[in-house]
């Protein structure tokens, strides 16, 4: 149910974006985020899920670097690092739980 809904929302977002604002870079960023979200919905492994979640944040991080806003760069870098660390801790916890279960 989430895959068609997400695909439909992205299609609507692409169609509703004003032509003056739509550039190849913006469309590419939207499609990268869409692909990462689809990948996270389809992931059957915690490591793959973590990779797709962090990948979905990277276009926002690159956009923050491109704009040159220092506070936005710090926030996005902190968000990417915190998300990566939280997912790594969760994967380590899952590994310990699986090894304890036998």
N, C-alpha and C. Protein backbone atom coordinates (compact mmCIF):
# COMPACT_ATOMS: atom_id res chain seq x y z
N UNK A 1 0.82 -1.19 0.00
CA UNK A 1 0.00 0.00 0.00
C UNK A 1 0.87 1.27 0.00
N UNK A 2 2.01 1.21 0.68
CA UNK A 2 2.86 2.41 0.76
C UNK A 2 3.57 2.73 -0.55
N UNK A 3 3.93 1.70 -1.32
CA UNK A 3 4.66 1.95 -2.56
C UNK A 3 3.82 2.73 -3.57
N UNK A 4 2.60 2.30 -3.89
CA UNK A 4 1.81 3.10 -4.85
C UNK A 4 1.47 4.50 -4.32
N UNK A 5 1.22 4.60 -3.03
CA UNK A 5 0.91 5.90 -2.43
C UNK A 5 2.10 6.84 -2.55
N UNK A 6 3.28 6.35 -2.23
CA UNK A 6 4.49 7.17 -2.32
C UNK A 6 4.77 7.56 -3.77
N UNK A 7 4.64 6.61 -4.68
CA UNK A 7 4.86 6.92 -6.09
C UNK A 7 3.86 7.95 -6.59
N UNK A 8 2.61 7.82 -6.18
CA UNK A 8 1.59 8.80 -6.59
C UNK A 8 1.87 10.18 -6.04
N UNK A 9 2.30 10.25 -4.78
CA UNK A 9 2.60 11.55 -4.19
C UNK A 9 3.77 12.24 -4.88
N UNK A 10 4.78 11.46 -5.25
CA UNK A 10 5.93 12.05 -5.94
C UNK A 10 5.53 12.50 -7.34
N UNK A 11 4.71 11.72 -8.01
CA UNK A 11 4.23 12.13 -9.33
C UNK A 11 3.44 13.43 -9.24
N UNK A 12 2.57 13.55 -8.26
CA UNK A 12 1.81 14.79 -8.06
C UNK A 12 2.75 15.95 -7.75
N UNK A 13 3.76 15.70 -6.91
CA UNK A 13 4.72 16.77 -6.58
C UNK A 13 5.48 17.23 -7.81
N UNK A 14 5.86 16.29 -8.66
CA UNK A 14 6.57 16.67 -9.89
C UNK A 14 5.66 17.44 -10.84
N UNK A 15 4.41 17.02 -10.94
CA UNK A 15 3.48 17.69 -11.85
C UNK A 15 3.05 19.07 -11.33
N UNK A 16 2.99 19.24 -10.01
CA UNK A 16 2.50 20.49 -9.43
C UNK A 16 3.61 21.52 -9.23
N UNK A 17 4.86 21.14 -9.39
CA UNK A 17 5.96 22.09 -9.25
C UNK A 17 5.91 23.08 -10.43
N UNK A 18 5.94 24.37 -10.14
CA UNK A 18 5.90 25.35 -11.24
C UNK A 18 7.05 25.15 -12.22
N UNK A 19 6.78 25.33 -13.48
CA UNK A 19 7.78 25.10 -14.53
C UNK A 19 9.01 25.99 -14.34
N UNK A 20 8.81 27.19 -13.80
CA UNK A 20 9.95 28.09 -13.60
C UNK A 20 10.92 27.54 -12.55
N UNK A 21 10.38 26.80 -11.57
CA UNK A 21 11.22 26.24 -10.51
C UNK A 21 11.80 24.88 -10.86
N UNK A 22 11.21 24.20 -11.82
CA UNK A 22 11.63 22.84 -12.15
C UNK A 22 12.89 22.88 -13.02
N UNK A 23 13.95 22.41 -12.43
CA UNK A 23 15.22 22.27 -13.14
C UNK A 23 15.61 20.79 -13.08
N UNK A 24 16.56 20.42 -13.89
CA UNK A 24 16.97 19.01 -13.92
C UNK A 24 17.50 18.57 -12.56
N UNK A 25 18.19 19.47 -11.86
CA UNK A 25 18.74 19.12 -10.55
C UNK A 25 17.65 18.86 -9.53
N UNK A 26 16.58 19.67 -9.55
CA UNK A 26 15.49 19.48 -8.62
C UNK A 26 14.76 18.16 -8.89
N UNK A 27 14.49 17.89 -10.15
CA UNK A 27 13.83 16.64 -10.50
C UNK A 27 14.70 15.44 -10.11
N UNK A 28 16.00 15.56 -10.30
CA UNK A 28 16.90 14.46 -9.93
C UNK A 28 16.90 14.25 -8.42
N UNK A 29 16.90 15.33 -7.64
CA UNK A 29 16.86 15.19 -6.18
C UNK A 29 15.58 14.53 -5.72
N UNK A 30 14.46 14.93 -6.33
CA UNK A 30 13.18 14.33 -5.97
C UNK A 30 13.19 12.84 -6.29
N UNK A 31 13.75 12.48 -7.42
CA UNK A 31 13.77 11.07 -7.81
C UNK A 31 14.73 10.25 -6.95
N UNK A 32 15.84 10.84 -6.51
CA UNK A 32 16.76 10.13 -5.61
C UNK A 32 16.08 9.87 -4.27
N UNK A 33 15.40 10.88 -3.74
CA UNK A 33 14.69 10.69 -2.48
C UNK A 33 13.59 9.64 -2.65
N UNK A 34 12.88 9.68 -3.77
CA UNK A 34 11.83 8.70 -4.04
C UNK A 34 12.40 7.29 -4.12
N UNK A 35 13.51 7.14 -4.83
CA UNK A 35 14.14 5.83 -4.92
C UNK A 35 14.61 5.32 -3.57
N UNK A 36 15.15 6.21 -2.76
CA UNK A 36 15.61 5.81 -1.43
C UNK A 36 14.43 5.42 -0.54
N UNK A 37 13.33 6.15 -0.64
CA UNK A 37 12.15 5.79 0.15
C UNK A 37 11.58 4.45 -0.30
N UNK A 38 11.52 4.23 -1.61
CA UNK A 38 11.04 2.94 -2.11
C UNK A 38 11.96 1.81 -1.64
N UNK A 39 13.25 2.06 -1.68
CA UNK A 39 14.20 1.05 -1.22
C UNK A 39 14.04 0.76 0.26
N UNK A 40 13.78 1.79 1.06
CA UNK A 40 13.60 1.54 2.50
C UNK A 40 12.31 0.78 2.77
N UNK A 41 11.28 1.00 1.96
CA UNK A 41 10.04 0.23 2.13
C UNK A 41 10.23 -1.23 1.74
N UNK A 42 11.10 -1.50 0.77
CA UNK A 42 11.29 -2.86 0.28
C UNK A 42 12.43 -3.61 0.97
N UNK A 43 13.19 -2.93 1.82
CA UNK A 43 14.36 -3.54 2.46
C UNK A 43 13.94 -4.67 3.40
N UNK A 44 14.62 -5.78 3.25
CA UNK A 44 14.38 -6.92 4.13
C UNK A 44 15.53 -7.12 5.11
N UNK A 45 16.49 -6.23 5.09
CA UNK A 45 17.68 -6.34 5.90
C UNK A 45 17.91 -5.00 6.60
N UNK A 46 18.32 -5.02 7.85
CA UNK A 46 18.51 -3.78 8.61
C UNK A 46 19.62 -2.92 8.01
N UNK A 47 20.66 -3.55 7.49
CA UNK A 47 21.75 -2.79 6.88
C UNK A 47 21.31 -2.07 5.61
N UNK A 48 20.52 -2.74 4.80
CA UNK A 48 20.01 -2.13 3.57
C UNK A 48 19.04 -1.00 3.92
N UNK A 49 18.19 -1.23 4.91
CA UNK A 49 17.27 -0.19 5.37
C UNK A 49 18.04 1.05 5.83
N UNK A 50 19.08 0.84 6.62
CA UNK A 50 19.89 1.96 7.11
C UNK A 50 20.52 2.72 5.96
N UNK A 51 21.02 2.01 4.98
CA UNK A 51 21.64 2.66 3.83
C UNK A 51 20.64 3.52 3.07
N UNK A 52 19.44 3.00 2.85
CA UNK A 52 18.44 3.76 2.12
C UNK A 52 17.94 4.97 2.92
N UNK A 53 17.82 4.84 4.23
CA UNK A 53 17.37 5.98 5.04
C UNK A 53 18.40 7.11 4.99
N UNK A 54 19.67 6.77 5.13
CA UNK A 54 20.72 7.80 5.05
C UNK A 54 20.80 8.36 3.63
N UNK A 55 20.63 7.51 2.62
CA UNK A 55 20.65 7.98 1.23
C UNK A 55 19.53 8.97 0.97
N UNK A 56 18.38 8.79 1.60
CA UNK A 56 17.27 9.73 1.39
C UNK A 56 17.57 11.11 1.98
N UNK A 57 18.48 11.19 2.94
CA UNK A 57 18.84 12.48 3.53
C UNK A 57 19.94 13.21 2.76
N UNK A 58 20.71 12.50 1.95
CA UNK A 58 21.86 13.11 1.29
C UNK A 58 21.51 14.24 0.32
N UNK A 59 20.43 14.16 -0.48
CA UNK A 59 20.12 15.32 -1.34
C UNK A 59 19.84 16.59 -0.54
N UNK A 60 19.21 16.45 0.61
CA UNK A 60 18.98 17.63 1.46
C UNK A 60 20.30 18.19 1.99
N UNK A 61 21.21 17.30 2.35
CA UNK A 61 22.51 17.73 2.87
C UNK A 61 23.31 18.44 1.78
N UNK A 62 23.31 17.88 0.56
CA UNK A 62 24.04 18.53 -0.54
C UNK A 62 23.41 19.88 -0.88
N UNK A 63 22.09 19.98 -0.81
CA UNK A 63 21.42 21.24 -1.08
C UNK A 63 21.78 22.27 -0.02
N UNK A 64 21.89 21.86 1.23
CA UNK A 64 22.28 22.78 2.30
C UNK A 64 23.71 23.28 2.08
N UNK A 65 24.60 22.39 1.63
CA UNK A 65 25.98 22.81 1.34
C UNK A 65 26.02 23.78 0.17
N UNK A 66 25.17 23.54 -0.83
CA UNK A 66 25.16 24.39 -2.02
C UNK A 66 24.64 25.79 -1.70
N UNK A 67 23.67 25.90 -0.81
CA UNK A 67 23.09 27.20 -0.46
C UNK A 67 24.05 28.06 0.34
N UNK A 68 24.99 27.43 1.06
CA UNK A 68 25.97 28.20 1.80
C UNK A 68 25.51 28.67 3.17
N UNK A 69 24.33 28.26 3.61
CA UNK A 69 23.83 28.66 4.92
C UNK A 69 24.51 27.80 5.99
N UNK A 70 25.35 28.42 6.79
CA UNK A 70 26.12 27.69 7.80
C UNK A 70 25.22 26.99 8.83
N UNK A 71 24.20 27.66 9.40
CA UNK A 71 23.35 26.95 10.37
C UNK A 71 22.62 25.75 9.75
N UNK A 72 22.18 25.90 8.50
CA UNK A 72 21.50 24.79 7.83
C UNK A 72 22.47 23.64 7.57
N UNK A 73 23.72 23.96 7.24
CA UNK A 73 24.73 22.91 7.04
C UNK A 73 24.96 22.14 8.33
N UNK A 74 25.05 22.85 9.45
CA UNK A 74 25.29 22.20 10.74
C UNK A 74 24.11 21.31 11.11
N UNK A 75 22.90 21.80 10.89
CA UNK A 75 21.71 21.01 11.20
C UNK A 75 21.66 19.75 10.34
N UNK A 76 21.89 19.90 9.05
CA UNK A 76 21.80 18.73 8.15
C UNK A 76 22.92 17.73 8.43
N UNK A 77 24.13 18.22 8.69
CA UNK A 77 25.23 17.31 9.00
C UNK A 77 24.93 16.56 10.30
N UNK A 78 24.41 17.28 11.29
CA UNK A 78 24.04 16.63 12.55
C UNK A 78 22.94 15.60 12.35
N UNK A 79 21.97 15.92 11.51
CA UNK A 79 20.87 15.00 11.24
C UNK A 79 21.36 13.73 10.55
N UNK A 80 22.21 13.88 9.56
CA UNK A 80 22.74 12.70 8.84
C UNK A 80 23.58 11.85 9.78
N UNK A 81 24.44 12.47 10.56
CA UNK A 81 25.29 11.71 11.49
C UNK A 81 24.46 11.05 12.59
N UNK A 82 23.51 11.78 13.16
CA UNK A 82 22.68 11.22 14.23
C UNK A 82 21.83 10.06 13.71
N UNK A 83 21.28 10.20 12.52
CA UNK A 83 20.49 9.12 11.94
C UNK A 83 21.35 7.89 11.67
N UNK A 84 22.53 8.11 11.11
CA UNK A 84 23.44 6.99 10.85
C UNK A 84 23.86 6.29 12.13
N UNK A 85 24.18 7.06 13.17
CA UNK A 85 24.58 6.46 14.44
C UNK A 85 23.43 5.71 15.10
N UNK A 86 22.23 6.29 15.07
CA UNK A 86 21.08 5.62 15.67
C UNK A 86 20.78 4.30 14.97
N UNK A 87 20.87 4.30 13.65
CA UNK A 87 20.62 3.06 12.91
C UNK A 87 21.73 2.04 13.15
N UNK A 88 22.98 2.51 13.29
CA UNK A 88 24.08 1.59 13.58
C UNK A 88 23.91 0.96 14.96
N UNK A 89 23.51 1.76 15.96
CA UNK A 89 23.27 1.23 17.30
C UNK A 89 22.13 0.22 17.28
N UNK A 90 21.08 0.53 16.50
CA UNK A 90 19.95 -0.41 16.40
C UNK A 90 20.39 -1.71 15.76
N UNK A 91 21.24 -1.64 14.73
CA UNK A 91 21.71 -2.87 14.08
C UNK A 91 22.60 -3.68 15.01
N UNK A 92 23.44 -3.01 15.79
CA UNK A 92 24.28 -3.73 16.75
C UNK A 92 23.41 -4.39 17.81
N UNK A 93 22.38 -3.68 18.28
CA UNK A 93 21.46 -4.28 19.25
C UNK A 93 20.74 -5.48 18.68
N UNK A 94 20.34 -5.40 17.41
CA UNK A 94 19.70 -6.56 16.77
C UNK A 94 20.66 -7.74 16.66
N UNK A 95 21.93 -7.43 16.36
CA UNK A 95 22.92 -8.51 16.25
C UNK A 95 23.15 -9.19 17.59
N UNK A 96 23.23 -8.40 18.67
CA UNK A 96 23.41 -9.00 19.99
C UNK A 96 22.19 -9.82 20.40
N UNK A 97 21.02 -9.32 20.08
CA UNK A 97 19.79 -10.05 20.41
C UNK A 97 19.71 -11.36 19.63
N UNK A 98 20.11 -11.32 18.36
CA UNK A 98 20.08 -12.54 17.55
C UNK A 98 21.12 -13.54 18.02
N UNK A 99 22.29 -13.07 18.45
CA UNK A 99 23.31 -13.99 18.92
C UNK A 99 22.93 -14.59 20.27
N UNK A 100 22.23 -13.83 21.10
CA UNK A 100 21.79 -14.35 22.38
C UNK A 100 20.67 -15.37 22.21
N UNK A 101 19.86 -15.19 21.17
CA UNK A 101 18.75 -16.12 20.95
C UNK A 101 19.25 -17.45 20.37
N UNK A 102 20.44 -17.40 19.83
CA UNK A 102 21.04 -18.63 19.34
C UNK A 102 20.90 -18.76 17.90
